[in-house]
N, C-alpha and C. Protein backbone atom coordinates (compact mmCIF):
# COMPACT_ATOMS: atom_id res chain seq x y z
N UNK A 1 0.82 -1.19 0.00
CA UNK A 1 0.00 0.00 0.00
C UNK A 1 0.87 1.25 0.00
N UNK A 2 1.99 1.18 0.69
CA UNK A 2 2.90 2.32 0.68
C UNK A 2 3.44 2.54 -0.73
N UNK A 3 3.61 1.47 -1.47
CA UNK A 3 4.05 1.58 -2.87
C UNK A 3 3.05 2.35 -3.72
N UNK A 4 1.76 2.09 -3.48
CA UNK A 4 0.73 2.83 -4.22
C UNK A 4 0.76 4.31 -3.88
N UNK A 5 0.96 4.62 -2.61
CA UNK A 5 1.02 6.03 -2.19
C UNK A 5 2.20 6.73 -2.86
N UNK A 6 3.34 6.06 -2.91
CA UNK A 6 4.51 6.65 -3.57
C UNK A 6 4.27 6.80 -5.06
N UNK A 7 3.60 5.81 -5.67
CA UNK A 7 3.29 5.89 -7.10
C UNK A 7 2.42 7.09 -7.41
N UNK A 8 1.36 7.29 -6.63
CA UNK A 8 0.48 8.44 -6.86
C UNK A 8 1.19 9.76 -6.59
N UNK A 9 2.11 9.76 -5.63
CA UNK A 9 2.89 10.98 -5.38
C UNK A 9 3.77 11.31 -6.57
N UNK A 10 4.40 10.31 -7.16
CA UNK A 10 5.24 10.54 -8.34
C UNK A 10 4.39 11.01 -9.51
N UNK A 11 3.21 10.40 -9.69
CA UNK A 11 2.30 10.83 -10.76
C UNK A 11 1.91 12.29 -10.55
N UNK A 12 1.64 12.66 -9.31
CA UNK A 12 1.26 14.04 -9.01
C UNK A 12 2.40 15.00 -9.32
N UNK A 13 3.62 14.61 -8.96
CA UNK A 13 4.77 15.49 -9.24
C UNK A 13 4.99 15.67 -10.74
N UNK A 14 4.89 14.57 -11.49
CA UNK A 14 5.06 14.66 -12.94
C UNK A 14 3.96 15.50 -13.56
N UNK A 15 2.72 15.30 -13.11
CA UNK A 15 1.60 16.08 -13.63
C UNK A 15 1.77 17.56 -13.30
N UNK A 16 2.28 17.86 -12.11
CA UNK A 16 2.48 19.25 -11.72
C UNK A 16 3.55 19.91 -12.59
N UNK A 17 4.60 19.15 -12.92
CA UNK A 17 5.67 19.70 -13.76
C UNK A 17 5.14 20.06 -15.13
N UNK A 18 4.25 19.21 -15.67
CA UNK A 18 3.73 19.46 -17.01
C UNK A 18 2.50 20.35 -17.01
N UNK A 19 2.04 20.79 -15.85
CA UNK A 19 0.95 21.76 -15.78
C UNK A 19 -0.44 21.19 -15.77
N UNK A 20 -0.58 19.90 -15.49
CA UNK A 20 -1.91 19.30 -15.41
C UNK A 20 -2.41 19.41 -13.97
N UNK A 21 -3.01 20.55 -13.64
CA UNK A 21 -3.40 20.83 -12.26
C UNK A 21 -4.41 19.87 -11.69
N UNK A 22 -5.43 19.53 -12.46
CA UNK A 22 -6.47 18.64 -11.95
C UNK A 22 -5.94 17.26 -11.63
N UNK A 23 -5.12 16.73 -12.52
CA UNK A 23 -4.54 15.40 -12.30
C UNK A 23 -3.61 15.43 -11.11
N UNK A 24 -2.83 16.48 -10.97
CA UNK A 24 -1.89 16.60 -9.86
C UNK A 24 -2.63 16.65 -8.53
N UNK A 25 -3.69 17.44 -8.47
CA UNK A 25 -4.45 17.57 -7.23
C UNK A 25 -5.11 16.24 -6.86
N UNK A 26 -5.67 15.55 -7.85
CA UNK A 26 -6.31 14.26 -7.58
C UNK A 26 -5.29 13.23 -7.12
N UNK A 27 -4.14 13.20 -7.74
CA UNK A 27 -3.11 12.23 -7.37
C UNK A 27 -2.55 12.51 -5.98
N UNK A 28 -2.39 13.77 -5.64
CA UNK A 28 -1.91 14.10 -4.30
C UNK A 28 -2.95 13.68 -3.26
N UNK A 29 -4.21 13.90 -3.55
CA UNK A 29 -5.26 13.49 -2.63
C UNK A 29 -5.26 11.98 -2.40
N UNK A 30 -5.14 11.22 -3.48
CA UNK A 30 -5.10 9.76 -3.36
C UNK A 30 -3.87 9.32 -2.59
N UNK A 31 -2.73 9.94 -2.87
CA UNK A 31 -1.49 9.59 -2.19
C UNK A 31 -1.60 9.87 -0.68
N UNK A 32 -2.22 10.99 -0.32
CA UNK A 32 -2.39 11.31 1.10
C UNK A 32 -3.28 10.29 1.79
N UNK A 33 -4.39 9.95 1.16
CA UNK A 33 -5.30 8.98 1.75
C UNK A 33 -4.61 7.64 1.95
N UNK A 34 -3.92 7.15 0.92
CA UNK A 34 -3.23 5.87 1.03
C UNK A 34 -2.14 5.91 2.08
N UNK A 35 -1.44 7.02 2.18
CA UNK A 35 -0.37 7.14 3.17
C UNK A 35 -0.93 7.06 4.58
N UNK A 36 -2.02 7.77 4.85
CA UNK A 36 -2.60 7.76 6.18
C UNK A 36 -3.22 6.39 6.51
N UNK A 37 -3.81 5.73 5.52
CA UNK A 37 -4.32 4.38 5.74
C UNK A 37 -3.16 3.44 6.08
N UNK A 38 -2.04 3.58 5.38
CA UNK A 38 -0.87 2.77 5.66
C UNK A 38 -0.37 3.02 7.08
N UNK A 39 -0.31 4.26 7.51
CA UNK A 39 0.16 4.60 8.85
C UNK A 39 -0.77 4.00 9.91
N UNK A 40 -2.08 4.10 9.71
CA UNK A 40 -3.04 3.55 10.67
C UNK A 40 -2.88 2.03 10.77
N UNK A 41 -2.77 1.35 9.62
CA UNK A 41 -2.58 -0.09 9.64
C UNK A 41 -1.27 -0.48 10.31
N UNK A 42 -0.23 0.30 10.10
CA UNK A 42 1.05 0.05 10.72
C UNK A 42 0.95 0.16 12.25
N UNK A 43 0.27 1.19 12.73
CA UNK A 43 0.11 1.39 14.17
C UNK A 43 -0.73 0.26 14.77
N UNK A 44 -1.79 -0.14 14.08
CA UNK A 44 -2.62 -1.26 14.56
C UNK A 44 -1.79 -2.54 14.65
N UNK A 45 -0.97 -2.77 13.65
CA UNK A 45 -0.11 -3.95 13.66
C UNK A 45 0.88 -3.91 14.82
N UNK A 46 1.47 -2.74 15.08
CA UNK A 46 2.39 -2.62 16.21
C UNK A 46 1.71 -2.89 17.53
N UNK A 47 0.52 -2.35 17.72
CA UNK A 47 -0.22 -2.55 18.96
C UNK A 47 -0.61 -4.02 19.11
N UNK A 48 -1.09 -4.65 18.05
CA UNK A 48 -1.48 -6.05 18.11
C UNK A 48 -0.29 -6.94 18.44
N UNK A 49 0.85 -6.63 17.87
CA UNK A 49 2.06 -7.41 18.14
C UNK A 49 2.52 -7.22 19.58
N UNK A 50 2.41 -6.01 20.10
CA UNK A 50 2.81 -5.74 21.49
C UNK A 50 1.88 -6.44 22.47
N UNK A 51 0.60 -6.51 22.15
CA UNK A 51 -0.37 -7.15 23.03
C UNK A 51 -0.13 -8.67 23.05
N UNK A 52 0.17 -9.24 21.89
CA UNK A 52 0.39 -10.69 21.83
C UNK A 52 1.73 -11.08 22.45
N UNK A 53 2.63 -10.16 22.53
CA UNK A 53 3.89 -10.41 23.23
C UNK A 53 4.98 -10.87 22.35
């Protein structure tokens, strides 16, 4: 999932360089959502692992 977030971030950067504002904004939004989902899942995994010992 982190790979997808990085992919959308790269797409957004390339789109921004070429002046495609709508595509860049959409890609940044998707990248942010995927990044935060990844962080939440990572924290849940850490807590579950700590609880199980």
